[in-house]
């Protein structure tokens, strides 16, 4: 395991859940589901937020910007560590995520039509700015998900994750040492565009999963990690990811948000290699009726 991920695992252990893994069979094929949507706050984002705050020495105030899940992770991390938090969200942020951020005790400010506009406003606010994904401490924290996967199911030979800004995918590559399948919606694919261009570039954000995967460009730090590791980029359509979300509910009674179903959609479509894949179900912060 990468030493930064190992240190992060020790650091965050008192504050986060070690989420379960479930071996299932789908269409006659074995699969491991990492149930990270059962994490505190309903998302993996808590891990990176806690690690970054602890590494920073629990600053006097933390500020961040988020489409939802990262803000909720920061709000809860701040509450756990006794740090006041301010979270900027775009006006389009889903009400279910906004409600939960406020319930965790953070000061919530709606600003701008996009995540990028919320970031600009947050960076002008006094306090320790906690990056959503473009931070080595955040990436290391997210890598603890994959570290648990290989510890609990050592015969897993590939891990598939959803990609927004790239923090979880980069952490997965570092924390597992396994081939990583980085899955994005077709119209929300900052990593694909970055790999094609050879550097992070602005990208379209137009997917039903955009509230969680809506980074306009992949982070510089995650991009360098992903480019240096055995990462396979894959795209799925909105129709495929919504069908995958519904199937997780129908077959397993797992209620996840659209972004969390993205890697499962790729696996169902045969775009994830390996004999025994693990699909990370990364979040469940959505309001929907099965």
C-alpha atoms as a PDB file:
ATOM      1  CA  UNK A   1       0.000   0.000   0.000  1.00  0.00           C
ATOM      2  CA  UNK A   2       1.144   3.540  -0.720  1.00  0.00           C
ATOM      3  CA  UNK A   3       2.635   5.030   2.496  1.00  0.00           C
ATOM      4  CA  UNK A   4       0.491   8.174   2.288  1.00  0.00           C
ATOM      5  CA  UNK A   5      -2.654   6.045   2.040  1.00  0.00           C
ATOM      6  CA  UNK A   6      -1.471   3.827   4.908  1.00  0.00           C
ATOM      7  CA  UNK A   7      -0.872   6.900   7.086  1.00  0.00           C
ATOM      8  CA  UNK A   8      -4.281   8.288   6.118  1.00  0.00           C
ATOM      9  CA  UNK A   9      -5.956   5.012   7.092  1.00  0.00           C
ATOM     10  CA  UNK A  10      -4.404   5.192  10.568  1.00  0.00           C
ATOM     11  CA  UNK A  11      -5.284   8.873  10.892  1.00  0.00           C
ATOM     12  CA  UNK A  12      -8.962   8.670   9.943  1.00  0.00           C
ATOM     13  CA  UNK A  13      -9.784   5.298  11.521  1.00  0.00           C
ATOM     14  CA  UNK A  14     -11.354   6.754  14.708  1.00  0.00           C
ATOM     15  CA  UNK A  15     -13.692   8.979  12.683  1.00  0.00           C
ATOM     16  CA  UNK A  16     -14.976   7.026   9.666  1.00  0.00           C
ATOM     17  CA  UNK A  17     -16.715   3.724   9.022  1.00  0.00           C
ATOM     18  CA  UNK A  18     -14.959   0.747   7.518  1.00  0.00           C
ATOM     19  CA  UNK A  19     -17.664   0.009   4.985  1.00  0.00           C
ATOM     20  CA  UNK A  20     -18.688  -3.568   4.132  1.00  0.00           C
ATOM     21  CA  UNK A  21     -18.056  -5.506   0.944  1.00  0.00           C
ATOM     22  CA  UNK A  22     -20.575  -7.851  -0.606  1.00  0.00           C
ATOM     23  CA  UNK A  23     -19.791 -10.741  -2.944  1.00  0.00           C
ATOM     24  CA  UNK A  24     -22.627 -11.205  -5.391  1.00  0.00           C
ATOM     25  CA  UNK A  25     -23.346 -12.842  -8.720  1.00  0.00           C
ATOM     26  CA  UNK A  26     -24.853 -10.831 -11.562  1.00  0.00           C
ATOM     27  CA  UNK A  27     -25.651 -12.340 -14.970  1.00  0.00           C
ATOM     28  CA  UNK A  28     -23.686 -15.429 -13.945  1.00  0.00           C
ATOM     29  CA  UNK A  29     -20.537 -13.457 -13.141  1.00  0.00           C
ATOM     30  CA  UNK A  30     -18.978 -12.886  -9.701  1.00  0.00           C
ATOM     31  CA  UNK A  31     -18.639  -9.343  -8.458  1.00  0.00           C
ATOM     32  CA  UNK A  32     -17.605  -7.550  -5.268  1.00  0.00           C
ATOM     33  CA  UNK A  33     -19.601  -4.468  -4.303  1.00  0.00           C
ATOM     34  CA  UNK A  34     -17.858  -1.993  -1.995  1.00  0.00           C
ATOM     35  CA  UNK A  35     -20.758  -0.443  -0.099  1.00  0.00           C
ATOM     36  CA  UNK A  36     -19.165   2.943   0.456  1.00  0.00           C
ATOM     37  CA  UNK A  37     -22.568   4.611   0.166  1.00  0.00           C
ATOM     38  CA  UNK A  38     -23.034   3.358   3.747  1.00  0.00           C
ATOM     39  CA  UNK A  39     -20.233   5.674   4.895  1.00  0.00           C
ATOM     40  CA  UNK A  40     -21.099   8.449   7.354  1.00  0.00           C
ATOM     41  CA  UNK A  41     -22.647  11.254   5.247  1.00  0.00           C
ATOM     42  CA  UNK A  42     -23.542   8.674   2.583  1.00  0.00           C
ATOM     43  CA  UNK A  43     -20.361   9.214   0.564  1.00  0.00           C
ATOM     44  CA  UNK A  44     -16.628   8.415   0.446  1.00  0.00           C
ATOM     45  CA  UNK A  45     -15.879  12.150   0.585  1.00  0.00           C
ATOM     46  CA  UNK A  46     -15.702  12.112   4.390  1.00  0.00           C
ATOM     47  CA  UNK A  47     -12.428  10.167   4.235  1.00  0.00           C
ATOM     48  CA  UNK A  48     -10.490  12.787   2.304  1.00  0.00           C
ATOM     49  CA  UNK A  49     -11.988  15.642   4.281  1.00  0.00           C
ATOM     50  CA  UNK A  50     -11.053  14.133   7.642  1.00  0.00           C
ATOM     51  CA  UNK A  51      -7.530  13.314   6.477  1.00  0.00           C
ATOM     52  CA  UNK A  52      -6.977  16.792   5.068  1.00  0.00           C
ATOM     53  CA  UNK A  53      -8.263  18.528   8.206  1.00  0.00           C
ATOM     54  CA  UNK A  54      -6.195  16.358  10.544  1.00  0.00           C
ATOM     55  CA  UNK A  55      -3.093  16.815   8.406  1.00  0.00           C
ATOM     56  CA  UNK A  56      -3.655  20.592   8.478  1.00  0.00           C
ATOM     57  CA  UNK A  57      -3.774  20.496  12.261  1.00  0.00           C
ATOM     58  CA  UNK A  58      -7.500  21.190  12.683  1.00  0.00           C
ATOM     59  CA  UNK A  59      -7.512  24.850  11.497  1.00  0.00           C
ATOM     60  CA  UNK A  60      -9.658  27.569  13.082  1.00  0.00           C
ATOM     61  CA  UNK A  61     -12.136  27.572  10.182  1.00  0.00           C
ATOM     62  CA  UNK A  62     -12.555  25.462   7.056  1.00  0.00           C
ATOM     63  CA  UNK A  63     -14.067  26.722   3.807  1.00  0.00           C
ATOM     64  CA  UNK A  64     -14.924  24.708   0.714  1.00  0.00           C
ATOM     65  CA  UNK A  65     -17.033  24.584  -2.410  1.00  0.00           C
ATOM     66  CA  UNK A  66     -19.013  21.579  -3.543  1.00  0.00           C
ATOM     67  CA  UNK A  67     -21.714  20.244  -5.784  1.00  0.00           C
ATOM     68  CA  UNK A  68     -22.959  18.385  -2.712  1.00  0.00           C
ATOM     69  CA  UNK A  69     -21.101  15.300  -1.482  1.00  0.00           C
ATOM     70  CA  UNK A  70     -17.750  16.958  -0.792  1.00  0.00           C
ATOM     71  CA  UNK A  71     -19.472  19.771   1.072  1.00  0.00           C
ATOM     72  CA  UNK A  72     -21.329  17.255   3.171  1.00  0.00           C
ATOM     73  CA  UNK A  73     -18.102  15.382   3.883  1.00  0.00           C
ATOM     74  CA  UNK A  74     -16.365  18.590   4.933  1.00  0.00           C
ATOM     75  CA  UNK A  75     -19.331  19.668   7.068  1.00  0.00           C
ATOM     76  CA  UNK A  76     -19.342  16.340   8.911  1.00  0.00           C
ATOM     77  CA  UNK A  77     -15.541  16.204   9.222  1.00  0.00           C
ATOM     78  CA  UNK A  78     -15.586  19.708  10.671  1.00  0.00           C
ATOM     79  CA  UNK A  79     -18.327  18.727  13.111  1.00  0.00           C
ATOM     80  CA  UNK A  80     -16.416  15.632  14.225  1.00  0.00           C
ATOM     81  CA  UNK A  81     -13.233  17.634  14.781  1.00  0.00           C
ATOM     82  CA  UNK A  82     -14.878  20.741  16.263  1.00  0.00           C
ATOM     83  CA  UNK A  83     -13.964  23.106  13.413  1.00  0.00           C
ATOM     84  CA  UNK A  84     -16.443  25.740  12.088  1.00  0.00           C
ATOM     85  CA  UNK A  85     -17.204  25.176   8.388  1.00  0.00           C
ATOM     86  CA  UNK A  86     -18.552  27.259   5.513  1.00  0.00           C
ATOM     87  CA  UNK A  87     -19.682  25.458   2.359  1.00  0.00           C
ATOM     88  CA  UNK A  88     -20.403  27.193  -0.951  1.00  0.00           C
ATOM     89  CA  UNK A  89     -22.675  25.358  -3.394  1.00  0.00           C
ATOM     90  CA  UNK A  90     -24.008  26.349  -6.818  1.00  0.00           C
ATOM     91  CA  UNK A  91     -27.678  27.310  -6.895  1.00  0.00           C
ATOM     92  CA  UNK A  92     -28.302  24.080  -8.829  1.00  0.00           C
ATOM     93  CA  UNK A  93     -27.091  21.836  -5.972  1.00  0.00           C
ATOM     94  CA  UNK A  94     -29.683  19.128  -5.154  1.00  0.00           C
ATOM     95  CA  UNK A  95     -31.903  20.010  -2.229  1.00  0.00           C
ATOM     96  CA  UNK A  96     -31.272  16.661  -0.548  1.00  0.00           C
ATOM     97  CA  UNK A  97     -27.536  17.365  -0.365  1.00  0.00           C
ATOM     98  CA  UNK A  98     -27.980  20.994   0.658  1.00  0.00           C
ATOM     99  CA  UNK A  99     -30.327  19.984   3.469  1.00  0.00           C
ATOM    100  CA  UNK A 100     -27.809  17.501   4.809  1.00  0.00           C
ATOM    101  CA  UNK A 101     -24.928  20.001   4.704  1.00  0.00           C
ATOM    102  CA  UNK A 102     -26.914  22.407   6.866  1.00  0.00           C
ATOM    103  CA  UNK A 103     -27.996  19.604   9.190  1.00  0.00           C
ATOM    104  CA  UNK A 104     -24.317  18.789   9.806  1.00  0.00           C
ATOM    105  CA  UNK A 105     -23.894  22.295  11.188  1.00  0.00           C
ATOM    106  CA  UNK A 106     -22.036  24.071   8.370  1.00  0.00           C
ATOM    107  CA  UNK A 107     -22.833  27.575   7.179  1.00  0.00           C
ATOM    108  CA  UNK A 108     -24.219  27.131   3.665  1.00  0.00           C
ATOM    109  CA  UNK A 109     -23.898  29.758   0.938  1.00  0.00           C
ATOM    110  CA  UNK A 110     -25.478  29.330  -2.495  1.00  0.00           C
ATOM    111  CA  UNK A 111     -23.431  31.066  -5.165  1.00  0.00           C
ATOM    112  CA  UNK A 112     -23.228  30.838  -8.943  1.00  0.00           C
ATOM    113  CA  UNK A 113     -24.688  28.546 -11.549  1.00  0.00           C
ATOM    114  CA  UNK A 114     -21.750  26.122 -11.607  1.00  0.00           C
ATOM    115  CA  UNK A 115     -19.344  24.423  -9.234  1.00  0.00           C
ATOM    116  CA  UNK A 116     -16.516  26.497 -10.722  1.00  0.00           C
ATOM    117  CA  UNK A 117     -18.284  29.739  -9.772  1.00  0.00           C
ATOM    118  CA  UNK A 118     -18.861  28.465  -6.232  1.00  0.00           C
ATOM    119  CA  UNK A 119     -15.141  27.660  -5.976  1.00  0.00           C
ATOM    120  CA  UNK A 120     -14.131  31.203  -6.941  1.00  0.00           C
ATOM    121  CA  UNK A 121     -16.341  32.679  -4.211  1.00  0.00           C
ATOM    122  CA  UNK A 122     -15.168  30.162  -1.597  1.00  0.00           C
ATOM    123  CA  UNK A 123     -11.494  30.893  -2.263  1.00  0.00           C
ATOM    124  CA  UNK A 124     -12.098  34.572  -1.439  1.00  0.00           C
ATOM    125  CA  UNK A 125     -13.489  33.652   2.004  1.00  0.00           C
ATOM    126  CA  UNK A 126     -11.148  33.651   5.037  1.00  0.00           C
ATOM    127  CA  UNK A 127     -10.275  30.197   6.349  1.00  0.00           C
ATOM    128  CA  UNK A 128      -8.465  26.993   5.380  1.00  0.00           C
ATOM    129  CA  UNK A 129      -9.705  26.120   1.886  1.00  0.00           C
ATOM    130  CA  UNK A 130     -10.224  22.373   1.607  1.00  0.00           C
ATOM    131  CA  UNK A 131      -9.918  21.134  -1.960  1.00  0.00           C
ATOM    132  CA  UNK A 132     -12.533  18.713  -3.243  1.00  0.00           C
ATOM    133  CA  UNK A 133     -10.023  16.517  -5.080  1.00  0.00           C
ATOM    134  CA  UNK A 134      -6.882  18.436  -6.116  1.00  0.00           C
ATOM    135  CA  UNK A 135      -4.950  17.749  -2.909  1.00  0.00           C
ATOM    136  CA  UNK A 136      -2.524  14.951  -1.976  1.00  0.00           C
ATOM    137  CA  UNK A 137      -4.142  14.666   1.470  1.00  0.00           C
ATOM    138  CA  UNK A 138      -7.619  14.327  -0.012  1.00  0.00           C
ATOM    139  CA  UNK A 139      -6.406  11.771  -2.579  1.00  0.00           C
ATOM    140  CA  UNK A 140      -4.685   9.745   0.172  1.00  0.00           C
ATOM    141  CA  UNK A 141      -7.857   9.782   2.250  1.00  0.00           C
ATOM    142  CA  UNK A 142      -9.948   8.567  -0.654  1.00  0.00           C
ATOM    143  CA  UNK A 143      -7.398   5.845  -1.281  1.00  0.00           C
ATOM    144  CA  UNK A 144      -8.373   4.180   1.991  1.00  0.00           C
ATOM    145  CA  UNK A 145     -11.490   2.856   0.216  1.00  0.00           C
ATOM    146  CA  UNK A 146      -9.350   0.755  -2.121  1.00  0.00           C
ATOM    147  CA  UNK A 147      -6.994  -0.241   0.684  1.00  0.00           C
ATOM    148  CA  UNK A 148      -9.956  -1.815   2.467  1.00  0.00           C
ATOM    149  CA  UNK A 149     -11.029  -3.574  -0.738  1.00  0.00           C
ATOM    150  CA  UNK A 150      -7.725  -5.414  -1.169  1.00  0.00           C
ATOM    151  CA  UNK A 151      -7.467  -6.203   2.547  1.00  0.00           C
ATOM    152  CA  UNK A 152     -10.958  -7.708   2.745  1.00  0.00           C
ATOM    153  CA  UNK A 153     -11.038  -9.386  -0.691  1.00  0.00           C
ATOM    154  CA  UNK A 154      -7.444 -10.017  -1.793  1.00  0.00           C
ATOM    155  CA  UNK A 155      -8.557 -11.972  -4.874  1.00  0.00           C
ATOM    156  CA  UNK A 156     -10.095  -8.862  -6.449  1.00  0.00           C
ATOM    157  CA  UNK A 157      -8.021  -8.114  -9.567  1.00  0.00           C
ATOM    158  CA  UNK A 158      -9.505  -4.803 -10.764  1.00  0.00           C
ATOM    159  CA  UNK A 159     -11.420  -1.918  -9.158  1.00  0.00           C
ATOM    160  CA  UNK A 160     -13.954   0.253 -10.996  1.00  0.00           C
ATOM    161  CA  UNK A 161     -14.827   3.710  -9.697  1.00  0.00           C
ATOM    162  CA  UNK A 162     -16.710   6.790 -10.853  1.00  0.00           C
ATOM    163  CA  UNK A 163     -14.707   9.882 -11.801  1.00  0.00           C
ATOM    164  CA  UNK A 164     -15.540  13.544 -11.240  1.00  0.00           C
ATOM    165  CA  UNK A 165     -12.429  15.525 -10.350  1.00  0.00           C
ATOM    166  CA  UNK A 166     -10.380  12.337 -10.072  1.00  0.00           C
ATOM    167  CA  UNK A 167      -9.671  12.135  -6.329  1.00  0.00           C
ATOM    168  CA  UNK A 168     -11.275   8.739  -5.766  1.00  0.00           C
ATOM    169  CA  UNK A 169      -9.797   7.235  -8.932  1.00  0.00           C
ATOM    170  CA  UNK A 170      -6.297   8.495  -8.084  1.00  0.00           C
ATOM    171  CA  UNK A 171      -6.646   7.267  -4.519  1.00  0.00           C
ATOM    172  CA  UNK A 172      -7.809   3.890  -5.804  1.00  0.00           C
ATOM    173  CA  UNK A 173      -4.733   3.538  -8.009  1.00  0.00           C
ATOM    174  CA  UNK A 174      -2.456   4.428  -5.077  1.00  0.00           C
ATOM    175  CA  UNK A 175      -4.308   2.504  -2.394  1.00  0.00           C
ATOM    176  CA  UNK A 176      -4.810  -0.772  -4.245  1.00  0.00           C
ATOM    177  CA  UNK A 177      -1.888  -1.321  -6.585  1.00  0.00           C
ATOM    178  CA  UNK A 178      -4.468  -2.872  -8.920  1.00  0.00           C
ATOM    179  CA  UNK A 179      -5.653  -1.868 -12.385  1.00  0.00           C
ATOM    180  CA  UNK A 180      -8.203   0.905 -11.946  1.00  0.00           C
ATOM    181  CA  UNK A 181     -11.134   1.444 -14.294  1.00  0.00           C
ATOM    182  CA  UNK A 182     -12.091   5.126 -14.217  1.00  0.00           C
ATOM    183  CA  UNK A 183     -15.689   5.465 -15.404  1.00  0.00           C
ATOM    184  CA  UNK A 184     -17.423   8.684 -16.480  1.00  0.00           C
ATOM    185  CA  UNK A 185     -20.742   9.658 -18.063  1.00  0.00           C
ATOM    186  CA  UNK A 186     -20.385  10.419 -21.768  1.00  0.00           C
ATOM    187  CA  UNK A 187     -21.254  14.090 -21.306  1.00  0.00           C
ATOM    188  CA  UNK A 188     -19.416  14.598 -18.029  1.00  0.00           C
ATOM    189  CA  UNK A 189     -15.934  13.304 -18.783  1.00  0.00           C
ATOM    190  CA  UNK A 190     -13.173  15.632 -17.645  1.00  0.00           C
ATOM    191  CA  UNK A 191     -10.656  12.779 -17.331  1.00  0.00           C
ATOM    192  CA  UNK A 192     -11.268  11.536 -20.871  1.00  0.00           C
ATOM    193  CA  UNK A 193     -10.728  15.007 -22.260  1.00  0.00           C
ATOM    194  CA  UNK A 194      -7.612  15.504 -20.142  1.00  0.00           C
ATOM    195  CA  UNK A 195      -6.066  12.231 -21.302  1.00  0.00           C
ATOM    196  CA  UNK A 196      -6.805  13.138 -24.929  1.00  0.00           C
ATOM    197  CA  UNK A 197      -5.278  16.597 -24.505  1.00  0.00           C
ATOM    198  CA  UNK A 198      -2.340  15.472 -22.366  1.00  0.00           C
ATOM    199  CA  UNK A 199      -3.347  17.881 -19.585  1.00  0.00           C
ATOM    200  CA  UNK A 200      -6.466  18.930 -17.643  1.00  0.00           C
ATOM    201  CA  UNK A 201      -8.817  20.967 -19.842  1.00  0.00           C
ATOM    202  CA  UNK A 202     -12.297  22.408 -19.429  1.00  0.00           C
ATOM    203  CA  UNK A 203     -15.022  19.893 -20.184  1.00  0.00           C
ATOM    204  CA  UNK A 204     -18.759  19.793 -20.751  1.00  0.00           C
ATOM    205  CA  UNK A 205     -20.948  19.070 -17.700  1.00  0.00           C
ATOM    206  CA  UNK A 206     -24.291  17.698 -18.861  1.00  0.00           C
ATOM    207  CA  UNK A 207     -25.277  14.452 -17.157  1.00  0.00           C
ATOM    208  CA  UNK A 208     -27.903  13.226 -14.732  1.00  0.00           C
ATOM    209  CA  UNK A 209     -24.920  12.400 -12.497  1.00  0.00           C
ATOM    210  CA  UNK A 210     -23.445  15.911 -12.717  1.00  0.00           C
ATOM    211  CA  UNK A 211     -24.226  16.913  -9.124  1.00  0.00           C
ATOM    212  CA  UNK A 212     -21.563  14.432  -7.978  1.00  0.00           C
ATOM    213  CA  UNK A 213     -19.356  14.105 -11.086  1.00  0.00           C
ATOM    214  CA  UNK A 214     -19.668  17.656 -12.415  1.00  0.00           C
ATOM    215  CA  UNK A 215     -16.062  18.848 -12.268  1.00  0.00           C
ATOM    216  CA  UNK A 216     -15.352  21.016 -15.294  1.00  0.00           C
ATOM    217  CA  UNK A 217     -11.764  19.755 -15.310  1.00  0.00           C
ATOM    218  CA  UNK A 218      -9.909  16.931 -13.608  1.00  0.00           C
ATOM    219  CA  UNK A 219      -7.525  17.941 -10.814  1.00  0.00           C
ATOM    220  CA  UNK A 220      -3.841  18.410 -11.627  1.00  0.00           C
ATOM    221  CA  UNK A 221      -2.707  16.094  -8.810  1.00  0.00           C
ATOM    222  CA  UNK A 222      -5.172  13.267  -9.594  1.00  0.00           C
ATOM    223  CA  UNK A 223      -4.336  13.572 -13.292  1.00  0.00           C
ATOM    224  CA  UNK A 224      -0.625  13.054 -12.698  1.00  0.00           C
ATOM    225  CA  UNK A 225      -1.343  10.032 -10.491  1.00  0.00           C
ATOM    226  CA  UNK A 226      -3.762   8.509 -12.992  1.00  0.00           C
ATOM    227  CA  UNK A 227      -1.444   9.085 -15.942  1.00  0.00           C
ATOM    228  CA  UNK A 228       1.386   7.341 -14.078  1.00  0.00           C
ATOM    229  CA  UNK A 229      -0.683   4.257 -13.141  1.00  0.00           C
ATOM    230  CA  UNK A 230      -2.502   1.471 -14.927  1.00  0.00           C
ATOM    231  CA  UNK A 231      -5.794   3.348 -15.358  1.00  0.00           C
ATOM    232  CA  UNK A 232      -8.394   2.421 -17.951  1.00  0.00           C
ATOM    233  CA  UNK A 233     -10.844   5.218 -18.885  1.00  0.00           C
ATOM    234  CA  UNK A 234     -14.398   4.113 -19.743  1.00  0.00           C
ATOM    235  CA  UNK A 235     -17.554   5.994 -20.712  1.00  0.00           C
ATOM    236  CA  UNK A 236     -21.210   5.121 -20.070  1.00  0.00           C
ATOM    237  CA  UNK A 237     -24.390   6.806 -21.197  1.00  0.00           C
ATOM    238  CA  UNK A 238     -26.940   8.380 -18.884  1.00  0.00           C
ATOM    239  CA  UNK A 239     -29.399   5.665 -19.910  1.00  0.00           C
ATOM    240  CA  UNK A 240     -26.891   2.959 -18.921  1.00  0.00           C
ATOM    241  CA  UNK A 241     -26.089   4.479 -15.546  1.00  0.00           C
ATOM    242  CA  UNK A 242     -29.744   5.010 -14.655  1.00  0.00           C
ATOM    243  CA  UNK A 243     -30.547   1.431 -15.638  1.00  0.00           C
ATOM    244  CA  UNK A 244     -27.649   0.264 -13.460  1.00  0.00           C
ATOM    245  CA  UNK A 245     -28.932   2.333 -10.527  1.00  0.00           C
ATOM    246  CA  UNK A 246     -32.383   0.807 -10.905  1.00  0.00           C
ATOM    247  CA  UNK A 247     -30.944  -2.692 -11.138  1.00  0.00           C
ATOM    248  CA  UNK A 248     -29.001  -2.229  -7.904  1.00  0.00           C
ATOM    249  CA  UNK A 249     -32.305  -1.445  -6.259  1.00  0.00           C
ATOM    250  CA  UNK A 250     -34.349  -4.182  -7.932  1.00  0.00           C
ATOM    251  CA  UNK A 251     -31.867  -7.011  -7.356  1.00  0.00           C
ATOM    252  CA  UNK A 252     -30.115  -6.007  -4.134  1.00  0.00           C
ATOM    253  CA  UNK A 253     -32.237  -3.239  -2.571  1.00  0.00           C
ATOM    254  CA  UNK A 254     -29.222  -0.933  -2.703  1.00  0.00           C
ATOM    255  CA  UNK A 255     -30.358   2.679  -3.043  1.00  0.00           C
ATOM    256  CA  UNK A 256     -27.552   4.780  -4.537  1.00  0.00           C
ATOM    257  CA  UNK A 257     -27.338   8.079  -6.379  1.00  0.00           C
ATOM    258  CA  UNK A 258     -26.776   8.068 -10.158  1.00  0.00           C
ATOM    259  CA  UNK A 259     -23.022   8.736  -9.869  1.00  0.00           C
ATOM    260  CA  UNK A 260     -22.543   5.651  -7.701  1.00  0.00           C
ATOM    261  CA  UNK A 261     -24.057   3.423 -10.387  1.00  0.00           C
ATOM    262  CA  UNK A 262     -21.625   4.616 -13.075  1.00  0.00           C
ATOM    263  CA  UNK A 263     -18.961   1.904 -12.527  1.00  0.00           C
ATOM    264  CA  UNK A 264     -21.626  -0.795 -12.183  1.00  0.00           C
ATOM    265  CA  UNK A 265     -23.023   0.317 -15.545  1.00  0.00           C
ATOM    266  CA  UNK A 266     -19.580  -0.126 -17.103  1.00  0.00           C
ATOM    267  CA  UNK A 267     -19.244  -3.587 -15.561  1.00  0.00           C
ATOM    268  CA  UNK A 268     -22.679  -4.640 -16.801  1.00  0.00           C
ATOM    269  CA  UNK A 269     -21.713  -3.503 -20.296  1.00  0.00           C
ATOM    270  CA  UNK A 270     -18.564  -5.646 -20.271  1.00  0.00           C
ATOM    271  CA  UNK A 271     -16.184  -2.678 -20.173  1.00  0.00           C
ATOM    272  CA  UNK A 272     -14.438  -3.730 -16.942  1.00  0.00           C
ATOM    273  CA  UNK A 273     -11.800  -6.467 -17.376  1.00  0.00           C
ATOM    274  CA  UNK A 274     -10.658  -9.033 -14.837  1.00  0.00           C
ATOM    275  CA  UNK A 275     -11.872 -12.267 -13.276  1.00  0.00           C
ATOM    276  CA  UNK A 276     -13.172 -10.655 -10.089  1.00  0.00           C
ATOM    277  CA  UNK A 277     -13.892  -6.952 -10.237  1.00  0.00           C
ATOM    278  CA  UNK A 278     -14.833  -4.701  -7.362  1.00  0.00           C
ATOM    279  CA  UNK A 279     -17.307  -1.915  -8.093  1.00  0.00           C
ATOM    280  CA  UNK A 280     -17.244   0.967  -5.612  1.00  0.00           C
ATOM    281  CA  UNK A 281     -20.724   2.315  -4.860  1.00  0.00           C
ATOM    282  CA  UNK A 282     -19.524   5.726  -3.785  1.00  0.00           C
ATOM    283  CA  UNK A 283     -22.606   7.631  -2.646  1.00  0.00           C
ATOM    284  CA  UNK A 284     -26.302   7.652  -1.756  1.00  0.00           C
ATOM    285  CA  UNK A 285     -27.173  11.311  -1.325  1.00  0.00           C
ATOM    286  CA  UNK A 286     -30.164  11.580  -3.559  1.00  0.00           C
ATOM    287  CA  UNK A 287     -33.899  11.919  -3.221  1.00  0.00           C
ATOM    288  CA  UNK A 288     -35.651   9.499  -5.537  1.00  0.00           C
ATOM    289  CA  UNK A 289     -38.465   7.007  -5.558  1.00  0.00           C
ATOM    290  CA  UNK A 290     -37.596   3.472  -6.716  1.00  0.00           C
END
